[in-house]
C-alpha atoms as a PDB file:
ATOM      1  CA  MET A   1       0.000   0.000   0.000  1.00  0.00           C
ATOM      2  CA  ARG A   2       1.317   3.439  -0.949  1.00  0.00           C
ATOM      3  CA  ASN A   3       1.126   6.085   1.711  1.00  0.00           C
ATOM      4  CA  PHE A   4       2.566   9.525   1.009  1.00  0.00           C
ATOM      5  CA  ASP A   5       0.913  11.419   3.860  1.00  0.00           C
ATOM      6  CA  ASN A   6       4.339  12.286   5.272  1.00  0.00           C
ATOM      7  CA  VAL A   7       5.727  13.584   1.970  1.00  0.00           C
ATOM      8  CA  LYS A   8       6.468  17.271   2.540  1.00  0.00           C
ATOM      9  CA  LYS A   9       8.839  17.946  -0.335  1.00  0.00           C
ATOM     10  CA  VAL A  10       8.520  16.498  -3.832  1.00  0.00           C
ATOM     11  CA  VAL A  11      10.516  16.827  -7.042  1.00  0.00           C
ATOM     12  CA  ILE A  12       8.482  16.535 -10.247  1.00  0.00           C
ATOM     13  CA  LYS A  13      10.378  15.949 -13.475  1.00  0.00           C
ATOM     14  CA  VAL A  14       8.742  16.599 -16.830  1.00  0.00           C
ATOM     15  CA  GLY A  15      10.297  15.686 -20.164  1.00  0.00           C
ATOM     16  CA  THR A  16      10.179  17.215 -23.604  1.00  0.00           C
ATOM     17  CA  SER A  17       7.788  14.561 -24.918  1.00  0.00           C
ATOM     18  CA  THR A  18       5.274  15.538 -22.235  1.00  0.00           C
ATOM     19  CA  LEU A  19       5.556  19.275 -22.887  1.00  0.00           C
ATOM     20  CA  THR A  20       5.201  19.107 -26.664  1.00  0.00           C
ATOM     21  CA  PHE A  21       3.058  17.627 -29.415  1.00  0.00           C
ATOM     22  CA  ASP A  22       4.465  15.081 -31.857  1.00  0.00           C
ATOM     23  CA  ASN A  23       5.324  17.911 -34.245  1.00  0.00           C
ATOM     24  CA  GLY A  24       7.513  19.561 -31.601  1.00  0.00           C
ATOM     25  CA  SER A  25       5.196  22.480 -30.829  1.00  0.00           C
ATOM     26  CA  LEU A  26       4.393  23.259 -27.198  1.00  0.00           C
ATOM     27  CA  ASN A  27       1.319  21.617 -25.672  1.00  0.00           C
ATOM     28  CA  PHE A  28       0.021  24.666 -23.806  1.00  0.00           C
ATOM     29  CA  ARG A  29      -3.007  22.895 -22.351  1.00  0.00           C
ATOM     30  CA  ARG A  30      -0.838  20.238 -20.736  1.00  0.00           C
ATOM     31  CA  ILE A  31       1.648  22.804 -19.421  1.00  0.00           C
ATOM     32  CA  GLU A  32      -1.243  24.800 -17.950  1.00  0.00           C
ATOM     33  CA  GLU A  33      -2.642  21.661 -16.286  1.00  0.00           C
ATOM     34  CA  LEU A  34       0.810  20.889 -14.887  1.00  0.00           C
ATOM     35  CA  ALA A  35       1.136  24.421 -13.498  1.00  0.00           C
ATOM     36  CA  ARG A  36      -2.283  24.169 -11.881  1.00  0.00           C
ATOM     37  CA  ALA A  37      -1.579  20.758 -10.343  1.00  0.00           C
ATOM     38  CA  ILE A  38       1.771  21.877  -8.917  1.00  0.00           C
ATOM     39  CA  SER A  39       0.216  25.080  -7.590  1.00  0.00           C
ATOM     40  CA  ASP A  40      -2.514  23.099  -5.814  1.00  0.00           C
ATOM     41  CA  ILE A  41       0.038  20.707  -4.343  1.00  0.00           C
ATOM     42  CA  LYS A  42       2.042  23.654  -3.057  1.00  0.00           C
ATOM     43  CA  ASN A  43      -1.084  25.273  -1.612  1.00  0.00           C
ATOM     44  CA  SER A  44      -1.780  22.035   0.282  1.00  0.00           C
ATOM     45  CA  GLY A  45       1.418  22.600   2.256  1.00  0.00           C
ATOM     46  CA  ARG A  46       3.963  20.626   0.288  1.00  0.00           C
ATOM     47  CA  ASN A  47       7.099  22.105  -1.271  1.00  0.00           C
ATOM     48  CA  VAL A  48       7.503  21.343  -4.975  1.00  0.00           C
ATOM     49  CA  ILE A  49      10.581  21.557  -7.184  1.00  0.00           C
ATOM     50  CA  LEU A  50       9.999  21.220 -10.928  1.00  0.00           C
ATOM     51  CA  VAL A  51      12.761  19.775 -13.103  1.00  0.00           C
ATOM     52  CA  SER A  52      11.852  20.640 -16.670  1.00  0.00           C
ATOM     53  CA  SER A  53      13.399  19.525 -19.931  1.00  0.00           C
ATOM     54  CA  GLY A  54      12.367  21.140 -23.170  1.00  0.00           C
ATOM     55  CA  ALA A  55      14.672  24.098 -23.710  1.00  0.00           C
ATOM     56  CA  ILE A  56      16.240  22.723 -26.884  1.00  0.00           C
ATOM     57  CA  GLY A  57      12.883  21.453 -28.150  1.00  0.00           C
ATOM     58  CA  VAL A  58      11.290  24.841 -27.575  1.00  0.00           C
ATOM     59  CA  GLY A  59      14.250  26.455 -29.300  1.00  0.00           C
ATOM     60  CA  VAL A  60      13.725  24.236 -32.337  1.00  0.00           C
ATOM     61  CA  SER A  61      10.047  25.231 -32.434  1.00  0.00           C
ATOM     62  CA  THR A  62      10.790  28.937 -31.890  1.00  0.00           C
ATOM     63  CA  ILE A  63      13.431  29.104 -34.629  1.00  0.00           C
ATOM     64  CA  ARG A  64      11.145  26.905 -36.758  1.00  0.00           C
ATOM     65  CA  LEU A  65      13.717  24.322 -37.698  1.00  0.00           C
ATOM     66  CA  ASP A  66      12.594  21.139 -39.409  1.00  0.00           C
ATOM     67  CA  ALA A  67      14.437  18.843 -37.004  1.00  0.00           C
ATOM     68  CA  ARG A  68      16.515  18.808 -33.840  1.00  0.00           C
ATOM     69  CA  PRO A  69      20.177  19.350 -34.844  1.00  0.00           C
ATOM     70  CA  LYS A  70      22.963  17.019 -33.791  1.00  0.00           C
ATOM     71  CA  GLU A  71      25.788  19.562 -33.550  1.00  0.00           C
ATOM     72  CA  ILE A  72      26.533  20.693 -29.984  1.00  0.00           C
ATOM     73  CA  PRO A  73      26.958  24.445 -30.813  1.00  0.00           C
ATOM     74  CA  ALA A  74      23.546  24.430 -32.510  1.00  0.00           C
ATOM     75  CA  LYS A  75      21.949  22.707 -29.507  1.00  0.00           C
ATOM     76  CA  GLN A  76      23.540  25.220 -27.147  1.00  0.00           C
ATOM     77  CA  ALA A  77      22.232  28.136 -29.184  1.00  0.00           C
ATOM     78  CA  LEU A  78      18.735  26.636 -29.309  1.00  0.00           C
ATOM     79  CA  ALA A  79      18.842  26.030 -25.556  1.00  0.00           C
ATOM     80  CA  ALA A  80      19.581  29.717 -25.002  1.00  0.00           C
ATOM     81  CA  VAL A  81      16.515  30.692 -27.033  1.00  0.00           C
ATOM     82  CA  GLY A  82      14.283  27.923 -25.730  1.00  0.00           C
ATOM     83  CA  GLN A  83      15.080  28.365 -22.038  1.00  0.00           C
ATOM     84  CA  CYS A  84      14.061  32.004 -22.229  1.00  0.00           C
ATOM     85  CA  GLN A  85      10.759  31.127 -23.902  1.00  0.00           C
ATOM     86  CA  LEU A  86      10.081  28.222 -21.561  1.00  0.00           C
ATOM     87  CA  MET A  87      10.574  30.288 -18.405  1.00  0.00           C
ATOM     88  CA  ARG A  88       8.399  33.072 -19.804  1.00  0.00           C
ATOM     89  CA  ILE A  89       5.590  30.561 -20.300  1.00  0.00           C
ATOM     90  CA  TYR A  90       6.062  28.982 -16.870  1.00  0.00           C
ATOM     91  CA  GLY A  91       6.157  32.417 -15.227  1.00  0.00           C
ATOM     92  CA  LYS A  92       2.899  33.442 -16.885  1.00  0.00           C
ATOM     93  CA  LEU A  93       1.004  30.213 -16.179  1.00  0.00           C
ATOM     94  CA  PHE A  94       2.168  29.812 -12.574  1.00  0.00           C
ATOM     95  CA  GLY A  95       1.493  33.509 -12.035  1.00  0.00           C
ATOM     96  CA  GLU A  96      -2.169  32.911 -12.841  1.00  0.00           C
ATOM     97  CA  TYR A  97      -2.282  30.744  -9.715  1.00  0.00           C
ATOM     98  CA  ASN A  98      -0.423  33.315  -7.613  1.00  0.00           C
ATOM     99  CA  GLN A  99       2.806  31.350  -7.608  1.00  0.00           C
ATOM    100  CA  ILE A 100       6.319  32.731  -8.013  1.00  0.00           C
ATOM    101  CA  VAL A 101       8.881  30.684  -9.926  1.00  0.00           C
ATOM    102  CA  GLY A 102      12.661  30.893  -9.996  1.00  0.00           C
ATOM    103  CA  GLN A 103      15.063  29.494 -12.570  1.00  0.00           C
ATOM    104  CA  VAL A 104      17.943  27.249 -11.486  1.00  0.00           C
ATOM    105  CA  LEU A 105      20.389  26.022 -14.147  1.00  0.00           C
ATOM    106  CA  ILE A 106      22.749  23.251 -13.113  1.00  0.00           C
ATOM    107  CA  THR A 107      25.771  21.506 -14.620  1.00  0.00           C
ATOM    108  CA  LYS A 108      27.412  18.259 -13.551  1.00  0.00           C
ATOM    109  CA  ASP A 109      30.055  20.287 -11.694  1.00  0.00           C
ATOM    110  CA  VAL A 110      27.501  21.026  -8.975  1.00  0.00           C
ATOM    111  CA  VAL A 111      27.253  17.343  -8.119  1.00  0.00           C
ATOM    112  CA  ASP A 112      31.009  16.742  -8.212  1.00  0.00           C
ATOM    113  CA  ASN A 113      32.196  19.848  -6.353  1.00  0.00           C
ATOM    114  CA  ASN A 114      31.476  19.988  -2.616  1.00  0.00           C
ATOM    115  CA  LYS A 115      31.448  23.790  -2.425  1.00  0.00           C
ATOM    116  CA  MET A 116      29.134  24.157  -5.419  1.00  0.00           C
ATOM    117  CA  TYR A 117      26.917  21.398  -4.038  1.00  0.00           C
ATOM    118  CA  GLN A 118      26.539  23.232  -0.729  1.00  0.00           C
ATOM    119  CA  ASN A 119      25.836  26.478  -2.556  1.00  0.00           C
ATOM    120  CA  ALA A 120      23.045  24.697  -4.425  1.00  0.00           C
ATOM    121  CA  VAL A 121      21.662  23.344  -1.145  1.00  0.00           C
ATOM    122  CA  ASN A 122      21.606  26.861   0.300  1.00  0.00           C
ATOM    123  CA  THR A 123      19.997  28.395  -2.782  1.00  0.00           C
ATOM    124  CA  PHE A 124      17.205  25.827  -2.963  1.00  0.00           C
ATOM    125  CA  SER A 125      16.611  26.152   0.764  1.00  0.00           C
ATOM    126  CA  ARG A 126      16.205  29.913   0.539  1.00  0.00           C
ATOM    127  CA  LEU A 127      13.979  29.733  -2.551  1.00  0.00           C
ATOM    128  CA  LEU A 128      11.634  27.329  -0.774  1.00  0.00           C
ATOM    129  CA  GLU A 129      11.751  29.487   2.351  1.00  0.00           C
ATOM    130  CA  TYR A 130      10.585  32.420   0.209  1.00  0.00           C
ATOM    131  CA  GLY A 131       7.714  30.341  -1.143  1.00  0.00           C
ATOM    132  CA  VAL A 132       9.199  30.130  -4.636  1.00  0.00           C
ATOM    133  CA  ILE A 133       8.767  27.121  -6.924  1.00  0.00           C
ATOM    134  CA  PRO A 134      12.251  26.367  -8.318  1.00  0.00           C
ATOM    135  CA  ILE A 135      12.272  25.330 -11.966  1.00  0.00           C
ATOM    136  CA  VAL A 136      15.449  23.421 -12.745  1.00  0.00           C
ATOM    137  CA  ASN A 137      17.129  22.493 -16.007  1.00  0.00           C
ATOM    138  CA  GLU A 138      20.587  21.423 -17.039  1.00  0.00           C
ATOM    139  CA  ASN A 139      22.580  24.383 -18.309  1.00  0.00           C
ATOM    140  CA  ASP A 140      22.589  23.141 -21.900  1.00  0.00           C
ATOM    141  CA  THR A 141      23.977  26.455 -23.137  1.00  0.00           C
ATOM    142  CA  ILE A 142      27.395  25.722 -21.646  1.00  0.00           C
ATOM    143  CA  SER A 143      27.310  21.937 -21.213  1.00  0.00           C
ATOM    144  CA  THR A 144      29.308  20.033 -23.811  1.00  0.00           C
ATOM    145  CA  ASP A 145      27.644  16.686 -23.283  1.00  0.00           C
ATOM    146  CA  GLU A 146      23.910  16.728 -22.725  1.00  0.00           C
ATOM    147  CA  ILE A 147      23.821  13.062 -21.712  1.00  0.00           C
ATOM    148  CA  GLU A 148      25.654  13.919 -18.487  1.00  0.00           C
ATOM    149  CA  PHE A 149      22.277  14.013 -16.775  1.00  0.00           C
ATOM    150  CA  GLY A 150      20.378  11.777 -19.202  1.00  0.00           C
ATOM    151  CA  ASP A 151      17.723  14.229 -20.422  1.00  0.00           C
ATOM    152  CA  ASN A 152      17.307  15.522 -16.873  1.00  0.00           C
ATOM    153  CA  ASP A 153      16.185  12.178 -15.437  1.00  0.00           C
ATOM    154  CA  THR A 154      19.441  11.776 -13.536  1.00  0.00           C
ATOM    155  CA  LEU A 155      19.456  15.496 -12.799  1.00  0.00           C
ATOM    156  CA  SER A 156      16.051  15.192 -11.125  1.00  0.00           C
ATOM    157  CA  ALA A 157      17.407  12.508  -8.788  1.00  0.00           C
ATOM    158  CA  TYR A 158      20.337  14.696  -7.798  1.00  0.00           C
ATOM    159  CA  VAL A 159      17.989  17.642  -7.270  1.00  0.00           C
ATOM    160  CA  ALA A 160      15.898  15.426  -4.995  1.00  0.00           C
ATOM    161  CA  LYS A 161      19.050  14.662  -3.002  1.00  0.00           C
ATOM    162  CA  ILE A 162      20.230  18.282  -2.927  1.00  0.00           C
ATOM    163  CA  THR A 163      16.857  19.505  -1.676  1.00  0.00           C
ATOM    164  CA  GLY A 164      16.328  16.673   0.799  1.00  0.00           C
ATOM    165  CA  SER A 165      13.062  15.718  -0.880  1.00  0.00           C
ATOM    166  CA  ASP A 166      10.867  12.815   0.177  1.00  0.00           C
ATOM    167  CA  LEU A 167       9.592  11.767  -3.228  1.00  0.00           C
ATOM    168  CA  LEU A 168      10.599  11.979  -6.887  1.00  0.00           C
ATOM    169  CA  ILE A 169       7.893  11.849  -9.559  1.00  0.00           C
ATOM    170  CA  ILE A 170       9.088  11.382 -13.140  1.00  0.00           C
ATOM    171  CA  LEU A 171       6.496  12.171 -15.797  1.00  0.00           C
ATOM    172  CA  THR A 172       7.004  10.410 -19.107  1.00  0.00           C
ATOM    173  CA  ASP A 173       5.150   9.404 -22.277  1.00  0.00           C
ATOM    174  CA  ILE A 174       4.128   5.934 -21.062  1.00  0.00           C
ATOM    175  CA  ASP A 175       2.350   4.876 -17.889  1.00  0.00           C
ATOM    176  CA  GLY A 176       5.356   3.280 -16.202  1.00  0.00           C
ATOM    177  CA  LEU A 177       7.724   0.332 -16.394  1.00  0.00           C
ATOM    178  CA  TYR A 178       6.940  -2.912 -18.232  1.00  0.00           C
ATOM    179  CA  ASP A 179       8.827  -6.187 -17.994  1.00  0.00           C
ATOM    180  CA  LYS A 180       9.700  -5.806 -21.688  1.00  0.00           C
ATOM    181  CA  ASN A 181       8.977  -3.483 -24.592  1.00  0.00           C
ATOM    182  CA  PRO A 182       5.363  -2.386 -24.015  1.00  0.00           C
ATOM    183  CA  ASN A 183       4.741  -2.571 -27.775  1.00  0.00           C
ATOM    184  CA  GLU A 184       5.393  -6.314 -27.736  1.00  0.00           C
ATOM    185  CA  ASP A 185       2.696  -8.896 -27.068  1.00  0.00           C
ATOM    186  CA  GLY A 186       2.555 -10.163 -23.503  1.00  0.00           C
ATOM    187  CA  ALA A 187       4.302  -7.162 -21.955  1.00  0.00           C
ATOM    188  CA  LYS A 188       3.284  -6.883 -18.306  1.00  0.00           C
ATOM    189  CA  PHE A 189       3.072  -3.665 -16.349  1.00  0.00           C
ATOM    190  CA  VAL A 190       5.296  -3.456 -13.260  1.00  0.00           C
ATOM    191  CA  GLU A 191       3.310  -1.834 -10.471  1.00  0.00           C
ATOM    192  CA  GLU A 192       6.022  -1.816  -7.809  1.00  0.00           C
ATOM    193  CA  VAL A 193       9.770  -2.336  -7.708  1.00  0.00           C
ATOM    194  CA  THR A 194      11.339  -3.243  -4.367  1.00  0.00           C
ATOM    195  CA  GLU A 195      14.815  -3.979  -5.726  1.00  0.00           C
ATOM    196  CA  ILE A 196      16.523  -2.581  -8.816  1.00  0.00           C
ATOM    197  CA  THR A 197      18.034  -5.735 -10.273  1.00  0.00           C
ATOM    198  CA  ASP A 198      19.902  -6.328 -13.524  1.00  0.00           C
ATOM    199  CA  GLU A 199      16.692  -7.855 -14.864  1.00  0.00           C
ATOM    200  CA  ILE A 200      14.801  -4.631 -14.119  1.00  0.00           C
ATOM    201  CA  LYS A 201      17.486  -2.581 -15.861  1.00  0.00           C
ATOM    202  CA  GLN A 202      17.472  -4.841 -18.908  1.00  0.00           C
ATOM    203  CA  SER A 203      13.699  -4.602 -19.237  1.00  0.00           C
ATOM    204  CA  ALA A 204      14.014  -0.831 -19.608  1.00  0.00           C
ATOM    205  CA  GLY A 205      15.608  -0.812 -23.051  1.00  0.00           C
ATOM    206  CA  SER A 206      17.292   2.417 -24.101  1.00  0.00           C
ATOM    207  CA  ALA A 207      15.200   4.313 -26.616  1.00  0.00           C
ATOM    208  CA  GLY A 208      13.709   7.722 -25.996  1.00  0.00           C
ATOM    209  CA  SER A 209      11.369   9.730 -28.163  1.00  0.00           C
ATOM    210  CA  ASP A 210      12.385  11.823 -31.143  1.00  0.00           C
ATOM    211  CA  ARG A 211      11.892  14.970 -29.068  1.00  0.00           C
ATOM    212  CA  GLY A 212      14.001  13.954 -26.069  1.00  0.00           C
ATOM    213  CA  VAL A 213      17.129  11.931 -25.462  1.00  0.00           C
ATOM    214  CA  GLY A 214      16.102  10.018 -22.360  1.00  0.00           C
ATOM    215  CA  GLY A 215      14.345   6.663 -22.128  1.00  0.00           C
ATOM    216  CA  MET A 216      13.163   4.294 -19.400  1.00  0.00           C
ATOM    217  CA  LYS A 217      16.777   3.279 -18.775  1.00  0.00           C
ATOM    218  CA  THR A 218      17.729   6.759 -17.525  1.00  0.00           C
ATOM    219  CA  LYS A 219      14.588   6.883 -15.395  1.00  0.00           C
ATOM    220  CA  ILE A 220      15.548   3.667 -13.623  1.00  0.00           C
ATOM    221  CA  MET A 221      19.033   5.087 -13.104  1.00  0.00           C
ATOM    222  CA  ALA A 222      17.385   8.133 -11.526  1.00  0.00           C
ATOM    223  CA  ALA A 223      15.281   5.941  -9.241  1.00  0.00           C
ATOM    224  CA  GLU A 224      18.442   4.097  -8.177  1.00  0.00           C
ATOM    225  CA  ILE A 225      20.271   7.350  -7.353  1.00  0.00           C
ATOM    226  CA  ALA A 226      17.257   8.606  -5.394  1.00  0.00           C
ATOM    227  CA  ALA A 227      16.988   5.316  -3.507  1.00  0.00           C
ATOM    228  CA  GLU A 228      20.573   5.693  -2.290  1.00  0.00           C
ATOM    229  CA  ALA A 229      19.359   8.758  -0.381  1.00  0.00           C
ATOM    230  CA  GLY A 230      16.203   7.031   0.879  1.00  0.00           C
ATOM    231  CA  ILE A 231      13.972   8.815  -1.623  1.00  0.00           C
ATOM    232  CA  LYS A 232      11.069   6.927  -3.222  1.00  0.00           C
ATOM    233  CA  THR A 233      10.290   7.348  -6.923  1.00  0.00           C
ATOM    234  CA  ILE A 234       7.178   7.129  -9.074  1.00  0.00           C
ATOM    235  CA  ILE A 235       7.461   6.858 -12.854  1.00  0.00           C
ATOM    236  CA  MET A 236       4.129   7.709 -14.436  1.00  0.00           C
ATOM    237  CA  SER A 237       2.502   9.136 -17.542  1.00  0.00           C
ATOM    238  CA  GLY A 238       2.475  12.907 -17.883  1.00  0.00           C
ATOM    239  CA  GLU A 239      -0.440  12.870 -20.316  1.00  0.00           C
ATOM    240  CA  ASN A 240      -2.862  13.937 -17.577  1.00  0.00           C
ATOM    241  CA  PRO A 241      -1.070  16.012 -14.908  1.00  0.00           C
ATOM    242  CA  LYS A 242      -4.162  15.829 -12.673  1.00  0.00           C
ATOM    243  CA  LYS A 243      -3.215  12.222 -11.941  1.00  0.00           C
ATOM    244  CA  ILE A 244      -0.341  13.557  -9.831  1.00  0.00           C
ATOM    245  CA  TYR A 245      -3.033  14.230  -7.194  1.00  0.00           C
ATOM    246  CA  ASP A 246      -4.062  10.564  -7.336  1.00  0.00           C
ATOM    247  CA  ALA A 247      -0.475   9.372  -7.105  1.00  0.00           C
ATOM    248  CA  LEU A 248       0.189  11.508  -4.037  1.00  0.00           C
ATOM    249  CA  GLY A 249      -3.105  10.264  -2.601  1.00  0.00           C
ATOM    250  CA  GLY A 250      -1.733   6.726  -2.613  1.00  0.00           C
ATOM    251  CA  GLU A 251      -3.487   5.357  -5.688  1.00  0.00           C
ATOM    252  CA  ASN A 252      -1.650   2.836  -7.841  1.00  0.00           C
ATOM    253  CA  ILE A 253      -0.602   5.291 -10.525  1.00  0.00           C
ATOM    254  CA  GLY A 254       2.579   4.494 -12.431  1.00  0.00           C
ATOM    255  CA  THR A 255       5.432   2.308 -11.219  1.00  0.00           C
ATOM    256  CA  PHE A 256       6.416   2.854  -7.594  1.00  0.00           C
ATOM    257  CA  PHE A 257      10.082   2.313  -6.746  1.00  0.00           C
ATOM    258  CA  ASN A 258       9.790   1.351  -3.099  1.00  0.00           C
ATOM    259  CA  VAL A 259      13.476   0.573  -2.762  1.00  0.00           C
END
């Protein structure tokens, strides 16, 4: 039985495939529903940190390119454009629910450097003290290898550790983990994981969507990192952000990593 009554601080990670349509354009209705759900959760007395992918994808849409480029300088330039647009949208939508947001851009150095790590701890602590909803992304504009954090899945786990969160919720484009490719016959949904075994990792595969670079494999890696700090993880569909309420209410939504 899932019981999250004692969860006071939660990290919610949303990927590019959840924020956009198949053609790469922003899904404003879904983003608005996400902003409303997070605002309600915050109003209920819980602290929420949002880890959001999408900067490069939004940049592609804003510049009106036909496809996501592969060259790192192009990705960095698109991230600069897209991050600005993304935060403007988040600021407007969260503002409609009387919430203040703050942007936090992180690189892998923060995790590896003790001083930078502590600075991040202090910054998040003060933002939450001020009642701000931190919106976190990898600093793609200066990062040279975007897979350092695995499309922000791994980043979300580290953010959960940095902020001392109780729960990590990863929103994705499927409803959770299956024991094999969910497109294959006989694939069974995995409701709860109590141990992250090699078999669990192998069942994840590696593919992500065309609009993001992460897949179920990086989400399991994130759950494993979170578990090392005693943080539970839920991997669930982001198609209907209102279901976050149900998940926090203890309903069997998504795959629960009770490790």
